[in-house]
PDB file of N, CA and C in Angstrom:
ATOM      1  N   GLU A   1       3.876   4.084  -4.108  1.00  0.00           N
ATOM      2  CA  GLU A   1       3.126   4.904  -3.174  1.00  0.00           C
ATOM      3  C   GLU A   1       2.672   4.070  -1.976  1.00  0.00           C
ATOM      4  N   LEU A   2       2.205   2.862  -2.243  1.00  0.00           N
ATOM      5  CA  LEU A   2       1.760   1.991  -1.150  1.00  0.00           C
ATOM      6  C   LEU A   2       2.936   1.628  -0.240  1.00  0.00           C
ATOM      7  N   LEU A   3       4.063   1.323  -0.823  1.00  0.00           N
ATOM      8  CA  LEU A   3       5.245   0.977  -0.032  1.00  0.00           C
ATOM      9  C   LEU A   3       5.672   2.154   0.843  1.00  0.00           C
ATOM     10  N   GLN A   4       5.631   3.355   0.312  1.00  0.00           N
ATOM     11  CA  GLN A   4       5.991   4.539   1.093  1.00  0.00           C
ATOM     12  C   GLN A   4       5.011   4.748   2.249  1.00  0.00           C
ATOM     13  N   THR A   5       3.730   4.507   1.998  1.00  0.00           N
ATOM     14  CA  THR A   5       2.716   4.640   3.046  1.00  0.00           C
ATOM     15  C   THR A   5       2.955   3.609   4.141  1.00  0.00           C
ATOM     16  N   GLN A   6       3.233   2.366   3.749  1.00  0.00           N
ATOM     17  CA  GLN A   6       3.513   1.324   4.739  1.00  0.00           C
ATOM     18  C   GLN A   6       4.746   1.681   5.568  1.00  0.00           C
ATOM     19  N   ASN A   7       5.800   2.132   4.916  1.00  0.00           N
ATOM     20  CA  ASN A   7       7.017   2.498   5.643  1.00  0.00           C
ATOM     21  C   ASN A   7       6.755   3.624   6.642  1.00  0.00           C
ATOM     22  N   LYS A   8       5.948   4.599   6.245  1.00  0.00           N
ATOM     23  CA  LYS A   8       5.625   5.722   7.128  1.00  0.00           C
ATOM     24  C   LYS A   8       4.860   5.233   8.366  1.00  0.00           C
ATOM     25  N   ILE A   9       3.928   4.318   8.168  1.00  0.00           N
ATOM     26  CA  ILE A   9       3.159   3.769   9.290  1.00  0.00           C
ATOM     27  C   ILE A   9       4.076   2.995  10.224  1.00  0.00           C
ATOM     28  N   ILE A  10       4.925   2.156   9.657  1.00  0.00           N
ATOM     29  CA  ILE A  10       5.845   1.358  10.473  1.00  0.00           C
ATOM     30  C   ILE A  10       6.781   2.264  11.261  1.00  0.00           C
ATOM     31  N   LYS A  11       7.308   3.281  10.622  1.00  0.00           N
ATOM     32  CA  LYS A  11       8.247   4.205  11.280  1.00  0.00           C
ATOM     33  C   LYS A  11       7.572   4.990  12.412  1.00  0.00           C
ATOM     34  N   SER A  12       6.242   5.078  12.382  1.00  0.00           N
ATOM     35  CA  SER A  12       5.536   5.815  13.430  1.00  0.00           C
ATOM     36  C   SER A  12       5.539   5.078  14.774  1.00  0.00           C
ATOM     37  N   PHE A  13       5.881   3.804  14.778  1.00  0.00           N
ATOM     38  CA  PHE A  13       5.961   3.055  16.031  1.00  0.00           C
ATOM     39  C   PHE A  13       7.240   3.468  16.766  1.00  0.00           C
ATOM     40  N   PRO A  14       7.142   3.813  18.039  1.00  0.00           N
ATOM     41  CA  PRO A  14       8.322   4.303  18.762  1.00  0.00           C
ATOM     42  C   PRO A  14       9.420   3.255  18.927  1.00  0.00           C
ATOM     43  N   GLU A  15       9.098   1.987  18.747  1.00  0.00           N
ATOM     44  CA  GLU A  15      10.085   0.912  18.884  1.00  0.00           C
ATOM     45  C   GLU A  15      10.942   0.731  17.629  1.00  0.00           C
ATOM     46  N   VAL A  16      10.572   1.388  16.544  1.00  0.00           N
ATOM     47  CA  VAL A  16      11.254   1.209  15.267  1.00  0.00           C
ATOM     48  C   VAL A  16      12.397   2.205  15.115  1.00  0.00           C
ATOM     49  N   GLU A  17      13.573   1.678  14.854  1.00  0.00           N
ATOM     50  CA  GLU A  17      14.762   2.502  14.598  1.00  0.00           C
ATOM     51  C   GLU A  17      14.783   2.945  13.135  1.00  0.00           C
ATOM     52  N   SER A  18      14.570   1.993  12.223  1.00  0.00           N
ATOM     53  CA  SER A  18      14.555   2.322  10.794  1.00  0.00           C
ATOM     54  C   SER A  18      13.738   1.281  10.047  1.00  0.00           C
ATOM     55  N   VAL A  19      13.299   1.653   8.861  1.00  0.00           N
ATOM     56  CA  VAL A  19      12.522   0.740   8.020  1.00  0.00           C
ATOM     57  C   VAL A  19      12.914   0.969   6.564  1.00  0.00           C
ATOM     58  N   TRP A  20      13.099  -0.124   5.846  1.00  0.00           N
ATOM     59  CA  TRP A  20      13.474  -0.064   4.431  1.00  0.00           C
ATOM     60  C   TRP A  20      12.587  -1.036   3.662  1.00  0.00           C
ATOM     61  N   GLY A  21      11.971  -0.560   2.610  1.00  0.00           N
ATOM     62  CA  GLY A  21      11.110  -1.404   1.804  1.00  0.00           C
ATOM     63  C   GLY A  21      11.605  -1.507   0.374  1.00  0.00           C
ATOM     64  N   LYS A  22      11.307  -2.650  -0.247  1.00  0.00           N
ATOM     65  CA  LYS A  22      11.691  -2.883  -1.639  1.00  0.00           C
ATOM     66  C   LYS A  22      10.492  -3.463  -2.366  1.00  0.00           C
ATOM     67  N   ALA A  23      10.187  -2.916  -3.509  1.00  0.00           N
ATOM     68  CA  ALA A  23       9.098  -3.437  -4.339  1.00  0.00           C
ATOM     69  C   ALA A  23       9.702  -4.181  -5.522  1.00  0.00           C
ATOM     70  N   GLY A  24       9.083  -5.294  -5.893  1.00  0.00           N
ATOM     71  CA  GLY A  24       9.564  -6.055  -7.037  1.00  0.00           C
ATOM     72  C   GLY A  24      10.552  -7.123  -6.626  1.00  0.00           C
ATOM     73  N   ARG A  25      11.320  -7.577  -7.587  1.00  0.00           N
ATOM     74  CA  ARG A  25      12.284  -8.640  -7.329  1.00  0.00           C
ATOM     75  C   ARG A  25      13.547  -8.394  -8.143  1.00  0.00           C
ATOM     76  N   ALA A  26      14.541  -9.196  -7.875  1.00  0.00           N
ATOM     77  CA  ALA A  26      15.790  -9.095  -8.624  1.00  0.00           C
ATOM     78  C   ALA A  26      15.565  -9.520 -10.072  1.00  0.00           C
ATOM     79  N   SER A  27      16.354  -8.982 -10.965  1.00  0.00           N
ATOM     80  CA  SER A  27      16.236  -9.313 -12.389  1.00  0.00           C
ATOM     81  C   SER A  27      17.000 -10.598 -12.695  1.00  0.00           C
ATOM     82  N   THR A  28      16.525 -11.681 -12.128  1.00  0.00           N
ATOM     83  CA  THR A  28      17.141 -12.982 -12.351  1.00  0.00           C
ATOM     84  C   THR A  28      16.065 -14.057 -12.339  1.00  0.00           C
ATOM     85  N   ALA A  29      16.249 -15.040 -13.156  1.00  0.00           N
ATOM     86  CA  ALA A  29      15.276 -16.133 -13.222  1.00  0.00           C
ATOM     87  C   ALA A  29      15.321 -17.008 -11.976  1.00  0.00           C
ATOM     88  N   THR A  30      16.334 -16.865 -11.162  1.00  0.00           N
ATOM     89  CA  THR A  30      16.454 -17.681  -9.951  1.00  0.00           C
ATOM     90  C   THR A  30      15.696 -17.109  -8.758  1.00  0.00           C
ATOM     91  N   ASP A  31      15.148 -15.901  -8.889  1.00  0.00           N
ATOM     92  CA  ASP A  31      14.372 -15.304  -7.800  1.00  0.00           C
ATOM     93  C   ASP A  31      12.929 -15.765  -7.931  1.00  0.00           C
ATOM     94  N   PRO A  32      12.433 -16.583  -6.982  1.00  0.00           N
ATOM     95  CA  PRO A  32      11.073 -17.109  -7.094  1.00  0.00           C
ATOM     96  C   PRO A  32       9.983 -16.126  -6.675  1.00  0.00           C
ATOM     97  N   ALA A  33      10.358 -14.955  -6.200  1.00  0.00           N
ATOM     98  CA  ALA A  33       9.374 -13.980  -5.717  1.00  0.00           C
ATOM     99  C   ALA A  33       8.569 -13.410  -6.882  1.00  0.00           C
ATOM    100  N   PRO A  34       7.282 -13.150  -6.673  1.00  0.00           N
ATOM    101  CA  PRO A  34       6.500 -12.495  -7.721  1.00  0.00           C
ATOM    102  C   PRO A  34       6.917 -11.035  -7.877  1.00  0.00           C
ATOM    103  N   THR A  35       6.695 -10.480  -9.038  1.00  0.00           N
ATOM    104  CA  THR A  35       7.127  -9.105  -9.300  1.00  0.00           C
ATOM    105  C   THR A  35       6.382  -8.085  -8.449  1.00  0.00           C
ATOM    106  N   GLU A  36       5.193  -8.417  -7.978  1.00  0.00           N
ATOM    107  CA  GLU A  36       4.406  -7.466  -7.187  1.00  0.00           C
ATOM    108  C   GLU A  36       4.665  -7.574  -5.682  1.00  0.00           C
ATOM    109  N   MET A  37       5.654  -8.346  -5.284  1.00  0.00           N
ATOM    110  CA  MET A  37       5.944  -8.552  -3.866  1.00  0.00           C
ATOM    111  C   MET A  37       6.697  -7.365  -3.262  1.00  0.00           C
ATOM    112  N   PHE A  38       6.371  -7.057  -1.993  1.00  0.00           N
ATOM    113  CA  PHE A  38       7.092  -6.059  -1.221  1.00  0.00           C
ATOM    114  C   PHE A  38       7.916  -6.805  -0.178  1.00  0.00           C
ATOM    115  N   GLU A  39       9.110  -6.330   0.068  1.00  0.00           N
ATOM    116  CA  GLU A  39       9.922  -6.826   1.170  1.00  0.00           C
ATOM    117  C   GLU A  39      10.252  -5.630   2.049  1.00  0.00           C
ATOM    118  N   THR A  40      10.101  -5.815   3.348  1.00  0.00           N
ATOM    119  CA  THR A  40      10.359  -4.724   4.278  1.00  0.00           C
ATOM    120  C   THR A  40      11.289  -5.214   5.379  1.00  0.00           C
ATOM    121  N   VAL A  41      12.340  -4.460   5.619  1.00  0.00           N
ATOM    122  CA  VAL A  41      13.282  -4.756   6.703  1.00  0.00           C
ATOM    123  C   VAL A  41      13.063  -3.701   7.785  1.00  0.00           C
ATOM    124  N   ILE A  42      12.772  -4.179   8.981  1.00  0.00           N
ATOM    125  CA  ILE A  42      12.510  -3.286  10.109  1.00  0.00           C
ATOM    126  C   ILE A  42      13.589  -3.508  11.160  1.00  0.00           C
ATOM    127  N   ASN A  43      14.316  -2.461  11.479  1.00  0.00           N
ATOM    128  CA  ASN A  43      15.306  -2.508  12.558  1.00  0.00           C
ATOM    129  C   ASN A  43      14.665  -1.901  13.796  1.00  0.00           C
ATOM    130  N   LEU A  44      14.670  -2.661  14.872  1.00  0.00           N
ATOM    131  CA  LEU A  44      14.040  -2.221  16.112  1.00  0.00           C
ATOM    132  C   LEU A  44      15.071  -1.661  17.086  1.00  0.00           C
ATOM    133  N   LYS A  45      14.605  -0.767  17.923  1.00  0.00           N
ATOM    134  CA  LYS A  45      15.434  -0.240  19.010  1.00  0.00           C
ATOM    135  C   LYS A  45      15.598  -1.345  20.056  1.00  0.00           C
ATOM    136  N   PRO A  46      16.565  -1.217  20.959  1.00  0.00           N
ATOM    137  CA  PRO A  46      16.696  -2.200  22.041  1.00  0.00           C
ATOM    138  C   PRO A  46      15.393  -2.271  22.854  1.00  0.00           C
ATOM    139  N   GLU A  47      15.069  -3.462  23.334  1.00  0.00           N
ATOM    140  CA  GLU A  47      13.808  -3.650  24.074  1.00  0.00           C
ATOM    141  C   GLU A  47      13.711  -2.760  25.311  1.00  0.00           C
ATOM    142  N   THR A  48      14.833  -2.321  25.834  1.00  0.00           N
ATOM    143  CA  THR A  48      14.812  -1.429  27.003  1.00  0.00           C
ATOM    144  C   THR A  48      14.200  -0.071  26.658  1.00  0.00           C
ATOM    145  N   GLU A  49      14.112   0.254  25.364  1.00  0.00           N
ATOM    146  CA  GLU A  49      13.532   1.521  24.929  1.00  0.00           C
ATOM    147  C   GLU A  49      12.084   1.369  24.453  1.00  0.00           C
ATOM    148  N   TRP A  50      11.534   0.178  24.546  1.00  0.00           N
ATOM    149  CA  TRP A  50      10.156  -0.065  24.119  1.00  0.00           C
ATOM    150  C   TRP A  50       9.177   0.415  25.184  1.00  0.00           C
ATOM    151  N   ARG A  51       7.920   0.548  24.769  1.00  0.00           N
ATOM    152  CA  ARG A  51       6.865   0.877  25.720  1.00  0.00           C
ATOM    153  C   ARG A  51       6.763  -0.224  26.773  1.00  0.00           C
ATOM    154  N   LYS A  52       6.491   0.177  27.998  1.00  0.00           N
ATOM    155  CA  LYS A  52       6.425  -0.769  29.119  1.00  0.00           C
ATOM    156  C   LYS A  52       5.379  -1.860  28.855  1.00  0.00           C
ATOM    157  N   GLY A  53       5.805  -3.116  29.047  1.00  0.00           N
ATOM    158  CA  GLY A  53       4.899  -4.253  28.915  1.00  0.00           C
ATOM    159  C   GLY A  53       4.714  -4.767  27.494  1.00  0.00           C
ATOM    160  N   LEU A  54       5.292  -4.111  26.513  1.00  0.00           N
ATOM    161  CA  LEU A  54       5.133  -4.532  25.122  1.00  0.00           C
ATOM    162  C   LEU A  54       6.094  -5.670  24.796  1.00  0.00           C
ATOM    163  N   THR A  55       5.568  -6.723  24.187  1.00  0.00           N
ATOM    164  CA  THR A  55       6.381  -7.855  23.755  1.00  0.00           C
ATOM    165  C   THR A  55       6.537  -7.812  22.240  1.00  0.00           C
ATOM    166  N   LEU A  56       7.423  -8.644  21.720  1.00  0.00           N
ATOM    167  CA  LEU A  56       7.602  -8.719  20.270  1.00  0.00           C
ATOM    168  C   LEU A  56       6.304  -9.149  19.596  1.00  0.00           C
ATOM    169  N   ASP A  57       5.622 -10.139  20.147  1.00  0.00           N
ATOM    170  CA  ASP A  57       4.339 -10.570  19.581  1.00  0.00           C
ATOM    171  C   ASP A  57       3.316  -9.443  19.616  1.00  0.00           C
ATOM    172  N   GLY A  58       3.306  -8.687  20.693  1.00  0.00           N
ATOM    173  CA  GLY A  58       2.389  -7.555  20.788  1.00  0.00           C
ATOM    174  C   GLY A  58       2.688  -6.499  19.745  1.00  0.00           C
ATOM    175  N   LEU A  59       3.963  -6.222  19.528  1.00  0.00           N
ATOM    176  CA  LEU A  59       4.360  -5.246  18.518  1.00  0.00           C
ATOM    177  C   LEU A  59       3.978  -5.725  17.118  1.00  0.00           C
ATOM    178  N   ILE A  60       4.214  -7.000  16.843  1.00  0.00           N
ATOM    179  CA  ILE A  60       3.829  -7.561  15.543  1.00  0.00           C
ATOM    180  C   ILE A  60       2.328  -7.427  15.327  1.00  0.00           C
ATOM    181  N   ASN A  61       1.541  -7.736  16.347  1.00  0.00           N
ATOM    182  CA  ASN A  61       0.083  -7.632  16.227  1.00  0.00           C
ATOM    183  C   ASN A  61      -0.362  -6.187  15.994  1.00  0.00           C
ATOM    184  N   GLU A  62       0.268  -5.244  16.691  1.00  0.00           N
ATOM    185  CA  GLU A  62      -0.073  -3.826  16.494  1.00  0.00           C
ATOM    186  C   GLU A  62       0.269  -3.371  15.075  1.00  0.00           C
ATOM    187  N   MET A  63       1.436  -3.774  14.590  1.00  0.00           N
ATOM    188  CA  MET A  63       1.829  -3.398  13.228  1.00  0.00           C
ATOM    189  C   MET A  63       0.900  -4.028  12.193  1.00  0.00           C
ATOM    190  N   ASP A  64       0.576  -5.294  12.402  1.00  0.00           N
ATOM    191  CA  ASP A  64      -0.322  -5.978  11.467  1.00  0.00           C
ATOM    192  C   ASP A  64      -1.670  -5.268  11.402  1.00  0.00           C
ATOM    193  N   ALA A  65      -2.197  -4.857  12.546  1.00  0.00           N
ATOM    194  CA  ALA A  65      -3.488  -4.161  12.579  1.00  0.00           C
ATOM    195  C   ALA A  65      -3.404  -2.803  11.877  1.00  0.00           C
ATOM    196  N   ALA A  66      -2.261  -2.130  11.997  1.00  0.00           N
ATOM    197  CA  ALA A  66      -2.100  -0.801  11.387  1.00  0.00           C
ATOM    198  C   ALA A  66      -1.842  -0.873   9.885  1.00  0.00           C
ATOM    199  N   LEU A  67      -1.465  -2.047   9.401  1.00  0.00           N
ATOM    200  CA  LEU A  67      -1.067  -2.193   8.000  1.00  0.00           C
ATOM    201  C   LEU A  67      -2.052  -3.020   7.183  1.00  0.00           C
ATOM    202  N   GLN A  68      -3.331  -2.841   7.447  1.00  0.00           N
ATOM    203  CA  GLN A  68      -4.353  -3.557   6.695  1.00  0.00           C
ATOM    204  C   GLN A  68      -4.777  -2.734   5.490  1.00  0.00           C
ATOM    205  N   PHE A  69      -4.385  -3.192   4.300  1.00  0.00           N
ATOM    206  CA  PHE A  69      -4.754  -2.535   3.051  1.00  0.00           C
ATOM    207  C   PHE A  69      -5.457  -3.547   2.165  1.00  0.00           C
ATOM    208  N   PRO A  70      -6.506  -3.151   1.454  1.00  0.00           N
ATOM    209  CA  PRO A  70      -7.201  -4.074   0.562  1.00  0.00           C
ATOM    210  C   PRO A  70      -6.245  -4.659  -0.466  1.00  0.00           C
ATOM    211  N   GLY A  71      -6.254  -5.994  -0.592  1.00  0.00           N
ATOM    212  CA  GLY A  71      -5.444  -6.667  -1.587  1.00  0.00           C
ATOM    213  C   GLY A  71      -4.003  -6.907  -1.182  1.00  0.00           C
ATOM    214  N   VAL A  72      -3.632  -6.533   0.056  1.00  0.00           N
ATOM    215  CA  VAL A  72      -2.254  -6.704   0.512  1.00  0.00           C
ATOM    216  C   VAL A  72      -2.261  -7.638   1.727  1.00  0.00           C
ATOM    217  N   SER A  73      -1.433  -8.686   1.681  1.00  0.00           N
ATOM    218  CA  SER A  73      -1.317  -9.554   2.844  1.00  0.00           C
ATOM    219  C   SER A  73      -0.004  -9.277   3.544  1.00  0.00           C
ATOM    220  N   ASN A  74      -0.027  -9.356   4.859  1.00  0.00           N
ATOM    221  CA  ASN A  74       1.179  -9.099   5.664  1.00  0.00           C
ATOM    222  C   ASN A  74       1.829 -10.428   6.022  1.00  0.00           C
TER     223      ASN A  74
END
């Protein structure tokens, strides 16, 4: 549920083309990730389609501010 909520928030940014999230890790002893980890892949639209004056750092900061959940680090 949390992953779906995060994906919905990320997708609400007009610069985002698509977003895919994965909860957990691969079923292998070689994966060092904890089982409670989320991984999110965000595909962005070309910068020519972004809001005027917005930089990648600015977009990251906006997303980070929108994705503040208790107990979750970005």
